[in-house]
Amino acid sequence: MSHPSAAAGAAPSRAGTIAADSPAFEDATYAQVTRRIIPFLCLCFVIAFLDRVNVSFAKLQMLQDLHFSETVYGLGAGIFFIAYFLFEVPSNLIMHRVGARRWIARIMITWALLTAAMAFVQSATAFYVVRFLLGAAEAGFFPGMILYLTYWYPAHRRSRITALFMTAIPIAGVLGGMGSGWILQAMNGVHGMAGWQWLFVLEGVPSLIVGVCVLFYLDDGISGARWLTPAQKALLQQRIEAEASAKTHVSVGSAFRHPLVWLLALVYFGSSMGQYGFGFWLPSIIKATGVSSPLHIGLLSAIPYAFGIVAMILVGRHSDRTGERRWHYGLSALVSAAGLVGAVVWSDNTAIAMVALTIASMGLQCLAPVFWTLPTGLLGGVAAAAGIAVINAIGNLAGFVSPYLVGWVKDTTGTTAAGMYVIAGFLLLAGALVVLGVRPSPAPRR
C-alpha cells in the first residue's frame, strides 16, 4: 500500500514496515512526526526570536542616531511585553478554537510588517508605540507553540522535543549575532538608510515568507495529518488521550485561580528575567569589555548561544531519560546566575567575561525545555490553553521589567553590574521554587 506521506511531500516512513502494536512502530511514528513538524516549528521560532531581540543589536547605532538614553531603550525594549501580557491569553484561546495553522500564520505575517516599520521610528514615542504593537501581534506565538506540541507528544517525550524546539533560541542568537553585526556594518549608509534601519527591514522579510508557508504546511492536529497512516493516527491519539485522563481539566476562569498556575508563573518570571536580561544586553556587555566593532560584537555574541544549543539538548535528553525535572531546572538556574555574576565581575577582561557569558547562556538555555514539561504535564484541555498562556504572559512581564531595570540602573550608576546581580537573584529564586515547591508526577524513565 502506498504511503500517504509521499503525496504530502514527506519522507517515506519506516513505521509502514513494522507491526503496528510494537514499540518499534511507536518510536518510528514519533520519529516521523518529529521530522515533519519540529524543524519547521524551529524555523518559525528562530525568526520570532530574531524579530524580538534584534533591537539589542540595533541599539548599538540607533541610540546615538535618535538621541535615546539607556532608559528609553530599556522601556521601549520592554514595552513589547506589556502588550504580550495583555493579549497572550485571548490569543492562545483563539488558537485552541480556530486551529494552529491559521492563527500562527496571522501572527507571523502581522509581526513581519511591524518589524519592518521599526526602521522608520524617529522619536521615543514612535519607538514605544511600534514596540507595543509588535508585542500585541506576536502575543500567543510561543505558548501556542508549546500548546501545539501537547497535541502530538505525551509528557514523557516532551522535554526532549521541547529542547529540540527551543534550540531555536540559541540558533537565533548565533545567526542573529553574525547576521545583525554584518548588516549594521555593511549596510550602514546604503541608499541613505542607517545600518539599524536595514536590520529591521531585512529581518522582517523571513517572517512574512514563512508566515505564508504556515498556511500550506502546518496541520492543526493528528486527525488532519495526511502524511500519517490510519494506524499511526490511532496510536498517536491513543497516547494523547491516555495522558489527558490523568491531567487537571478546569475552566478558563479556574485556570486563573489555580495555585499551580501562579507558582509556575512566578518561576517563569524569574527565569525570564535572566533570559531577557541576557538577550537584550549581551551586545552591550560585550561592547563594555572593550570590543568596538559591530561585526566583532555580533560574532562574539554567537559563541554563548552556540554552547547553549549543546547544553540544552543534552540536559533535555537526560531529564527525559531519568524522568527527573526539579533538579535539572534548579541546577541550571544556579549555573546561569553564577555566569551572569561572573560576566560583570570580570567585565574588564573580554576573554574571562566571554567564558562567564557562555556559562550563563548554557544554564539559561536549559531552563525552558525542562520548565515547560511541568504545566503541560499537569494541565489538560482548555486548562492547558489558558494555563500555559497565563504562565507565559505573567512570566513574560519580566521582558518589560528586566531591560527597563538594567537600562535605568546603567543610566544611574554607569554600569550594568547591579542590574545583573538582581537578575541573578531572580534566577536563584526560580530554581529554589521549583526544587522546593513543585511536585510533579514523576515522568517515566526512557
Protein backbone atom coordinates (compact mmCIF):
# COMPACT_ATOMS: atom_id res chain seq x y z
CA MET A 1 0.00 0.00 0.00
CA SER A 2 1.39 3.40 -0.90
CA HIS A 3 2.15 5.72 1.97
CA PRO A 4 0.13 8.97 2.08
CA SER A 5 3.19 10.92 3.17
CA ALA A 6 4.54 10.65 -0.35
CA ALA A 7 1.69 12.74 -1.63
CA ALA A 8 2.27 15.28 1.10
CA GLY A 9 5.97 15.59 0.32
CA ALA A 10 7.16 13.81 3.46
CA ALA A 11 9.95 11.27 3.54
CA PRO A 12 8.88 7.60 3.44
CA SER A 13 8.26 6.20 6.93
CA ARG A 14 9.97 3.17 8.43
CA ALA A 15 6.79 2.66 10.51
CA GLY A 16 4.97 1.33 7.46
CA THR A 17 7.03 -1.89 7.55
CA ILE A 18 6.73 -2.61 11.31
CA ALA A 19 3.91 -4.27 13.25
CA ALA A 20 1.51 -1.61 14.49
CA ASP A 21 1.46 -2.94 18.08
CA SER A 22 5.23 -2.94 18.58
CA PRO A 23 7.41 -0.41 20.44
CA ALA A 24 9.45 -0.03 17.27
CA PHE A 25 6.34 1.11 15.41
CA GLU A 26 5.66 3.74 18.09
CA ASP A 27 9.24 5.02 18.03
CA ALA A 28 9.26 5.16 14.24
CA THR A 29 5.94 7.02 14.21
CA TYR A 30 7.15 9.64 16.67
CA ALA A 31 10.39 9.97 14.70
CA GLN A 32 8.33 10.69 11.59
CA VAL A 33 6.25 13.29 13.46
CA THR A 34 9.43 14.93 14.72
CA ARG A 35 10.98 15.09 11.27
CA ARG A 36 7.82 16.61 9.88
CA ILE A 37 6.98 19.34 12.39
CA ILE A 38 9.95 20.17 14.64
CA PRO A 39 12.33 21.63 12.00
CA PHE A 40 9.53 23.85 10.70
CA LEU A 41 8.48 24.98 14.20
CA CYS A 42 12.14 25.69 14.96
CA LEU A 43 12.37 27.83 11.84
CA CYS A 44 9.30 29.81 12.94
CA PHE A 45 10.73 30.30 16.43
CA VAL A 46 14.17 31.31 15.16
CA ILE A 47 12.50 34.07 13.15
CA ALA A 48 10.31 35.05 16.11
CA PHE A 49 13.27 35.37 18.45
CA LEU A 50 15.29 37.31 15.88
CA ASP A 51 12.46 39.81 15.48
CA ARG A 52 12.04 40.03 19.24
CA VAL A 53 15.63 40.86 20.20
CA ASN A 54 17.15 42.41 17.06
CA VAL A 55 16.56 45.71 18.81
CA SER A 56 19.50 44.79 21.08
CA PHE A 57 21.83 45.00 18.05
CA ALA A 58 20.05 48.00 16.53
CA LYS A 59 20.74 49.73 19.85
CA LEU A 60 24.45 49.86 19.02
CA GLN A 61 23.66 52.55 16.40
CA MET A 62 20.12 53.81 16.86
CA LEU A 63 20.60 55.28 20.34
CA GLN A 64 23.19 57.69 19.01
CA ASP A 65 21.25 58.45 15.81
CA LEU A 66 17.96 59.10 17.63
CA HIS A 67 19.48 60.53 20.83
CA PHE A 68 17.84 57.94 23.08
CA SER A 69 19.00 57.30 26.65
CA GLU A 70 19.57 53.81 28.03
CA THR A 71 16.31 54.18 29.98
CA VAL A 72 14.38 54.98 26.80
CA TYR A 73 15.87 51.92 25.15
CA GLY A 74 15.04 49.71 28.15
CA LEU A 75 11.45 50.97 28.27
CA GLY A 76 10.98 50.53 24.53
CA ALA A 77 12.51 47.06 24.56
CA GLY A 78 10.34 46.07 27.50
CA ILE A 79 7.01 47.63 26.50
CA PHE A 80 6.73 44.86 23.91
CA PHE A 81 5.92 42.54 26.80
CA ILE A 82 3.17 44.70 28.25
CA ALA A 83 1.20 44.12 25.04
CA TYR A 84 2.31 40.50 25.09
CA PHE A 85 0.84 40.18 28.59
CA LEU A 86 -2.47 41.81 27.68
CA PHE A 87 -3.13 39.75 24.55
CA GLU A 88 -1.48 36.44 25.45
CA VAL A 89 -4.43 34.54 26.94
CA PRO A 90 -7.02 35.67 24.33
CA SER A 91 -4.59 34.73 21.56
CA ASN A 92 -3.98 31.22 22.90
CA LEU A 93 -7.69 30.60 23.40
CA ILE A 94 -8.38 31.73 19.83
CA MET A 95 -5.73 29.32 18.55
CA HIS A 96 -7.29 26.50 20.58
CA ARG A 97 -10.60 27.30 18.85
CA VAL A 98 -9.62 28.11 15.24
CA GLY A 99 -6.51 25.93 14.90
CA ALA A 100 -2.76 26.48 14.84
CA ARG A 101 -2.35 26.81 11.07
CA ARG A 102 -4.39 29.96 10.51
CA TRP A 103 -3.58 31.64 13.79
CA ILE A 104 0.19 31.18 13.71
CA ALA A 105 0.22 32.39 10.10
CA ARG A 106 -1.69 35.51 11.17
CA ILE A 107 0.76 36.15 14.00
CA MET A 108 3.85 35.84 11.80
CA ILE A 109 2.57 37.98 8.95
CA THR A 110 1.49 40.87 11.20
CA TRP A 111 4.72 40.92 13.19
CA ALA A 112 6.73 40.87 9.94
CA LEU A 113 5.09 44.12 8.83
CA LEU A 114 5.60 45.75 12.22
CA THR A 115 9.24 44.69 12.40
CA ALA A 116 9.87 46.47 9.10
CA ALA A 117 8.02 49.50 10.45
CA MET A 118 10.64 49.81 13.21
CA ALA A 119 13.05 51.10 10.55
CA PHE A 120 11.06 54.35 10.30
CA VAL A 121 10.92 55.20 14.01
CA GLN A 122 12.28 58.69 14.67
CA SER A 123 11.08 59.52 18.20
CA ALA A 124 10.83 57.84 21.58
CA THR A 125 7.02 57.88 21.35
CA ALA A 126 7.05 56.14 17.98
CA PHE A 127 9.55 53.65 19.34
CA TYR A 128 7.22 52.82 22.23
CA VAL A 129 4.12 52.57 20.01
CA VAL A 130 5.64 50.24 17.41
CA ARG A 131 7.21 48.02 20.05
CA PHE A 132 3.83 47.79 21.81
CA LEU A 133 2.06 46.86 18.58
CA LEU A 134 4.77 44.31 17.83
CA GLY A 135 4.12 42.67 21.21
CA ALA A 136 0.37 42.60 20.52
CA ALA A 137 0.99 41.00 17.12
CA GLU A 138 3.29 38.30 18.49
CA ALA A 139 1.21 37.55 21.61
CA GLY A 140 0.28 33.91 21.74
CA PHE A 141 3.03 32.65 19.45
CA PHE A 142 5.26 30.90 21.99
CA PRO A 143 2.53 29.49 24.28
CA GLY A 144 0.67 28.49 21.12
CA MET A 145 3.72 26.50 20.02
CA ILE A 146 4.03 24.85 23.45
CA LEU A 147 0.32 24.00 23.37
CA TYR A 148 0.69 22.66 19.84
CA LEU A 149 3.37 20.19 20.98
CA THR A 150 0.89 18.76 23.52
CA TYR A 151 -1.38 17.85 20.59
CA TRP A 152 1.29 15.42 19.34
CA TYR A 153 3.57 14.29 22.19
CA PRO A 154 2.83 12.78 25.64
CA ALA A 155 4.70 14.14 28.66
CA HIS A 156 7.48 11.53 28.80
CA ARG A 157 8.63 12.55 25.31
CA ARG A 158 8.09 16.26 25.67
CA SER A 159 11.19 17.56 27.45
CA ARG A 160 13.49 16.28 24.70
CA ILE A 161 11.15 17.54 21.99
CA THR A 162 10.73 20.91 23.70
CA ALA A 163 14.52 21.12 23.97
CA LEU A 164 14.84 20.43 20.24
CA PHE A 165 12.21 23.09 19.52
CA MET A 166 13.83 25.61 21.82
CA THR A 167 17.25 25.21 20.28
CA ALA A 168 15.71 27.92 18.11
CA ILE A 169 16.64 30.48 20.78
CA PRO A 170 20.41 29.85 20.76
CA ILE A 171 20.31 29.23 16.99
CA ALA A 172 18.68 32.64 16.62
CA GLY A 173 21.41 34.01 18.86
CA VAL A 174 24.12 32.55 16.63
CA LEU A 175 22.52 33.63 13.35
CA GLY A 176 21.28 36.92 14.75
CA GLY A 177 24.66 37.82 16.17
CA MET A 178 26.56 37.17 12.98
CA GLY A 179 23.87 38.47 10.63
CA SER A 180 22.96 41.55 12.63
CA GLY A 181 26.60 42.53 13.12
CA TRP A 182 27.22 42.23 9.38
CA ILE A 183 24.11 44.23 8.45
CA LEU A 184 24.97 47.04 10.85
CA GLN A 185 28.46 47.34 9.42
CA ALA A 186 27.97 46.53 5.71
CA MET A 187 24.60 48.21 5.08
CA ASN A 188 25.16 51.41 7.03
CA GLY A 189 24.53 54.32 4.66
CA VAL A 190 23.25 52.22 1.74
CA HIS A 191 20.53 54.19 -0.12
CA GLY A 192 20.64 56.78 2.66
CA MET A 193 19.48 54.38 5.37
CA ALA A 194 21.36 53.60 8.57
CA GLY A 195 22.52 50.07 9.34
CA TRP A 196 19.97 49.70 12.14
CA GLN A 197 17.16 50.59 9.71
CA TRP A 198 18.30 47.94 7.25
CA LEU A 199 18.45 45.49 10.15
CA PHE A 200 14.71 45.82 10.81
CA VAL A 201 13.73 45.76 7.14
CA LEU A 202 15.82 42.73 6.17
CA GLU A 203 14.95 40.70 9.26
CA GLY A 204 11.23 41.29 8.72
CA VAL A 205 11.22 39.58 5.31
CA PRO A 206 11.70 35.96 6.54
CA SER A 207 8.72 36.32 8.90
CA LEU A 208 6.48 37.31 6.02
CA ILE A 209 7.62 34.43 3.78
CA VAL A 210 7.42 31.73 6.46
CA GLY A 211 4.09 33.09 7.74
CA VAL A 212 2.57 32.41 4.33
CA CYS A 213 4.19 28.95 4.24
CA VAL A 214 2.50 28.06 7.56
CA LEU A 215 -0.88 28.13 5.79
CA PHE A 216 0.21 25.36 3.42
CA TYR A 217 2.48 23.23 5.62
CA LEU A 218 1.23 23.10 9.20
CA ASP A 219 -1.56 20.73 10.34
CA ASP A 220 -3.92 21.64 13.17
CA GLY A 221 -3.54 18.23 14.77
CA ILE A 222 -3.25 14.47 14.36
CA SER A 223 -6.57 13.95 12.57
CA GLY A 224 -5.70 16.33 9.72
CA ALA A 225 -2.21 14.93 9.05
CA ARG A 226 -2.47 13.33 5.60
CA TRP A 227 1.15 12.21 5.86
CA LEU A 228 0.25 9.68 8.59
CA THR A 229 -1.38 6.29 8.10
CA PRO A 230 -4.62 5.44 9.97
CA ALA A 231 -2.64 3.12 12.27
CA GLN A 232 -0.20 5.90 13.11
CA LYS A 233 -3.01 8.35 13.81
CA ALA A 234 -4.73 5.83 16.09
CA LEU A 235 -1.52 5.24 18.04
CA LEU A 236 -0.77 8.95 18.50
CA GLN A 237 -4.35 9.74 19.51
CA GLN A 238 -4.38 6.86 21.99
CA ARG A 239 -1.23 8.14 23.70
CA ILE A 240 -2.60 11.69 23.96
CA GLU A 241 -5.98 10.51 25.30
CA ALA A 242 -4.35 8.23 27.87
CA GLU A 243 -2.33 11.15 29.22
CA ALA A 244 -5.31 13.53 29.13
CA SER A 245 -7.25 11.35 31.56
CA ALA A 246 -4.61 11.98 34.27
CA LYS A 247 -4.48 15.76 33.81
CA THR A 248 -6.37 18.53 35.58
CA HIS A 249 -9.26 19.81 33.46
CA VAL A 250 -10.72 23.08 34.71
CA SER A 251 -12.46 26.09 33.20
CA VAL A 252 -10.67 29.15 31.86
CA GLY A 253 -11.65 31.12 34.95
CA SER A 254 -10.40 28.38 37.26
CA ALA A 255 -7.07 28.34 35.44
CA PHE A 256 -6.53 31.94 36.57
CA ARG A 257 -7.12 30.88 40.20
CA HIS A 258 -5.22 27.59 40.19
CA PRO A 259 -2.32 27.76 42.73
CA LEU A 260 -0.05 25.69 40.49
CA VAL A 261 -0.53 28.17 37.63
CA TRP A 262 0.56 31.10 39.81
CA LEU A 263 3.52 29.24 41.29
CA LEU A 264 4.74 28.30 37.83
CA ALA A 265 4.11 31.85 36.59
CA LEU A 266 6.40 33.18 39.33
CA VAL A 267 9.03 30.60 38.43
CA TYR A 268 8.82 31.54 34.76
CA PHE A 269 9.05 35.23 35.67
CA GLY A 270 12.35 34.54 37.42
CA SER A 271 13.84 32.59 34.54
CA SER A 272 12.58 35.16 32.01
CA MET A 273 14.33 37.91 33.96
CA GLY A 274 17.54 36.07 33.17
CA GLN A 275 16.66 35.21 29.57
CA TYR A 276 15.71 38.75 28.57
CA GLY A 277 18.36 40.44 30.66
CA PHE A 278 20.89 38.31 28.82
CA GLY A 279 19.30 38.66 25.36
CA PHE A 280 18.70 42.42 25.39
CA TRP A 281 22.05 43.37 26.96
CA LEU A 282 24.51 40.77 25.63
CA PRO A 283 25.84 43.04 22.82
CA SER A 284 26.21 45.94 25.27
CA ILE A 285 28.01 43.79 27.84
CA ILE A 286 30.46 42.60 25.19
CA LYS A 287 30.97 46.17 23.98
CA ALA A 288 31.71 47.27 27.57
CA THR A 289 34.62 44.81 27.73
CA GLY A 290 36.39 46.85 25.05
CA VAL A 291 35.08 45.44 21.74
CA SER A 292 34.01 48.30 19.45
CA SER A 293 33.32 46.79 16.01
CA PRO A 294 29.62 45.84 15.48
CA LEU A 295 30.74 42.87 13.37
CA HIS A 296 33.08 41.60 16.09
CA ILE A 297 30.40 42.09 18.75
CA GLY A 298 28.00 40.10 16.62
CA LEU A 299 30.48 37.28 16.10
CA LEU A 300 31.37 37.09 19.80
CA SER A 301 27.71 37.11 20.82
CA ALA A 302 27.19 33.93 18.78
CA ILE A 303 29.61 31.95 20.98
CA PRO A 304 27.48 31.72 24.18
CA TYR A 305 24.42 30.72 22.15
CA ALA A 306 26.35 28.02 20.26
CA PHE A 307 27.36 26.35 23.52
CA GLY A 308 23.81 26.84 24.78
CA ILE A 309 22.49 24.64 21.95
CA VAL A 310 24.62 21.70 23.07
CA ALA A 311 23.74 22.13 26.75
CA MET A 312 20.03 22.43 26.03
CA ILE A 313 19.86 19.20 24.02
CA LEU A 314 21.96 17.19 26.49
CA VAL A 315 20.05 18.34 29.57
CA GLY A 316 16.66 17.85 27.88
CA ARG A 317 17.57 14.28 26.90
CA HIS A 318 18.91 13.47 30.36
CA SER A 319 15.78 14.87 32.01
CA ASP A 320 13.58 12.67 29.81
CA ARG A 321 15.77 9.61 30.31
CA THR A 322 15.75 9.88 34.10
CA GLY A 323 12.23 11.29 34.47
CA GLU A 324 13.60 13.97 36.82
CA ARG A 325 12.65 17.62 36.36
CA ARG A 326 13.19 19.68 39.56
CA TRP A 327 16.96 19.32 39.99
CA HIS A 328 17.62 19.66 36.29
CA TYR A 329 15.89 23.03 36.50
CA GLY A 330 17.36 24.11 39.84
CA LEU A 331 20.98 23.39 38.91
CA SER A 332 20.57 25.10 35.53
CA ALA A 333 19.27 28.21 37.31
CA LEU A 334 22.27 28.17 39.67
CA VAL A 335 24.73 27.87 36.76
CA SER A 336 23.11 30.72 34.81
CA ALA A 337 23.12 33.03 37.85
CA ALA A 338 26.79 32.33 38.52
CA GLY A 339 27.65 33.04 34.88
CA LEU A 340 25.88 36.42 34.86
CA VAL A 341 27.62 37.49 38.07
CA GLY A 342 30.98 36.39 36.69
CA ALA A 343 30.44 38.35 33.47
CA VAL A 344 30.09 41.66 35.30
CA VAL A 345 32.75 40.91 37.93
CA TRP A 346 35.32 40.35 35.17
CA SER A 347 33.90 42.88 32.72
CA ASP A 348 37.35 44.41 32.21
CA ASN A 349 38.65 41.21 30.63
CA THR A 350 36.98 40.18 27.36
CA ALA A 351 38.17 36.56 27.43
CA ILE A 352 37.05 35.83 31.01
CA ALA A 353 33.79 37.73 30.53
CA MET A 354 33.05 35.64 27.41
CA VAL A 355 33.65 32.42 29.36
CA ALA A 356 31.23 33.62 32.06
CA LEU A 357 28.64 34.68 29.46
CA THR A 358 28.95 31.26 27.83
CA ILE A 359 28.35 29.54 31.17
CA ALA A 360 25.35 31.80 31.76
CA SER A 361 23.94 31.00 28.33
CA MET A 362 24.34 27.25 28.84
CA GLY A 363 22.36 27.44 32.08
CA LEU A 364 19.71 29.77 30.68
CA GLN A 365 19.02 27.70 27.57
CA CYS A 366 18.40 24.59 29.70
CA LEU A 367 15.67 26.20 31.82
CA ALA A 368 12.72 26.48 29.45
CA PRO A 369 12.70 22.92 27.98
CA VAL A 370 12.60 21.40 31.46
CA PHE A 371 10.20 24.02 32.81
CA TRP A 372 7.55 23.54 30.12
CA THR A 373 7.20 19.83 30.92
CA LEU A 374 5.66 20.90 34.26
CA PRO A 375 2.48 22.79 33.21
CA THR A 376 1.96 20.70 30.06
CA GLY A 377 2.25 17.52 32.10
CA LEU A 378 -0.25 18.64 34.74
CA LEU A 379 -2.90 20.62 32.86
CA GLY A 380 -5.12 19.45 30.01
CA GLY A 381 -7.77 20.71 27.59
CA VAL A 382 -8.81 24.33 27.84
CA ALA A 383 -6.97 24.46 31.18
CA ALA A 384 -3.76 23.83 29.29
CA ALA A 385 -4.54 26.51 26.71
CA ALA A 386 -5.44 29.07 29.38
CA GLY A 387 -2.90 27.95 31.98
CA ILE A 388 0.06 27.93 29.59
CA ALA A 389 -0.95 31.36 28.33
CA VAL A 390 -1.34 32.76 31.86
CA ILE A 391 2.05 31.38 32.91
CA ASN A 392 3.74 32.69 29.79
CA ALA A 393 2.01 36.08 29.94
CA ILE A 394 2.89 36.74 33.59
CA GLY A 395 6.36 35.30 33.19
CA ASN A 396 6.99 37.47 30.16
CA LEU A 397 6.30 40.61 32.16
CA ALA A 398 9.94 40.06 33.04
CA GLY A 399 10.58 41.05 29.45
CA PHE A 400 9.42 44.51 30.46
CA VAL A 401 10.96 44.65 33.92
CA SER A 402 14.37 43.21 33.02
CA PRO A 403 15.53 45.55 30.19
CA TYR A 404 13.94 48.62 31.81
CA LEU A 405 15.57 47.83 35.17
CA VAL A 406 19.02 47.29 33.65
CA GLY A 407 18.68 50.42 31.48
CA TRP A 408 17.67 52.57 34.44
CA VAL A 409 20.49 51.12 36.57
CA LYS A 410 23.02 51.80 33.82
CA ASP A 411 21.87 55.42 33.40
CA THR A 412 22.00 55.88 37.18
CA THR A 413 25.26 54.11 38.01
CA GLY A 414 27.09 53.97 34.68
CA THR A 415 27.31 50.16 34.79
CA THR A 416 25.05 47.13 34.30
CA ALA A 417 26.56 45.28 37.28
CA ALA A 418 23.85 45.98 39.88
CA GLY A 419 21.12 45.09 37.38
CA MET A 420 22.78 41.75 36.64
CA TYR A 421 23.05 40.98 40.34
CA VAL A 422 19.29 41.49 40.71
CA ILE A 423 18.63 39.27 37.69
CA ALA A 424 20.88 36.56 39.14
CA GLY A 425 18.83 36.74 42.35
CA PHE A 426 15.61 36.13 40.41
CA LEU A 427 17.18 33.09 38.74
CA LEU A 428 18.15 31.64 42.11
CA LEU A 429 14.62 32.27 43.40
CA ALA A 430 13.11 30.49 40.41
CA GLY A 431 15.37 27.49 40.91
CA ALA A 432 14.54 27.30 44.62
CA LEU A 433 10.78 27.47 43.96
CA VAL A 434 10.94 24.56 41.54
CA VAL A 435 13.15 22.41 43.77
CA LEU A 436 11.17 23.09 46.95
CA GLY A 437 7.65 23.92 45.75
CA VAL A 438 6.80 21.87 42.66
CA ARG A 439 5.88 18.21 42.99
CA PRO A 440 5.13 16.86 39.53
CA SER A 441 4.25 13.24 38.99
CA PRO A 442 7.48 11.50 38.03
CA ALA A 443 7.78 11.03 34.30
CA PRO A 444 8.54 7.50 33.08
CA ARG A 445 12.20 6.67 32.57
CA ARG A 446 13.21 6.03 28.96
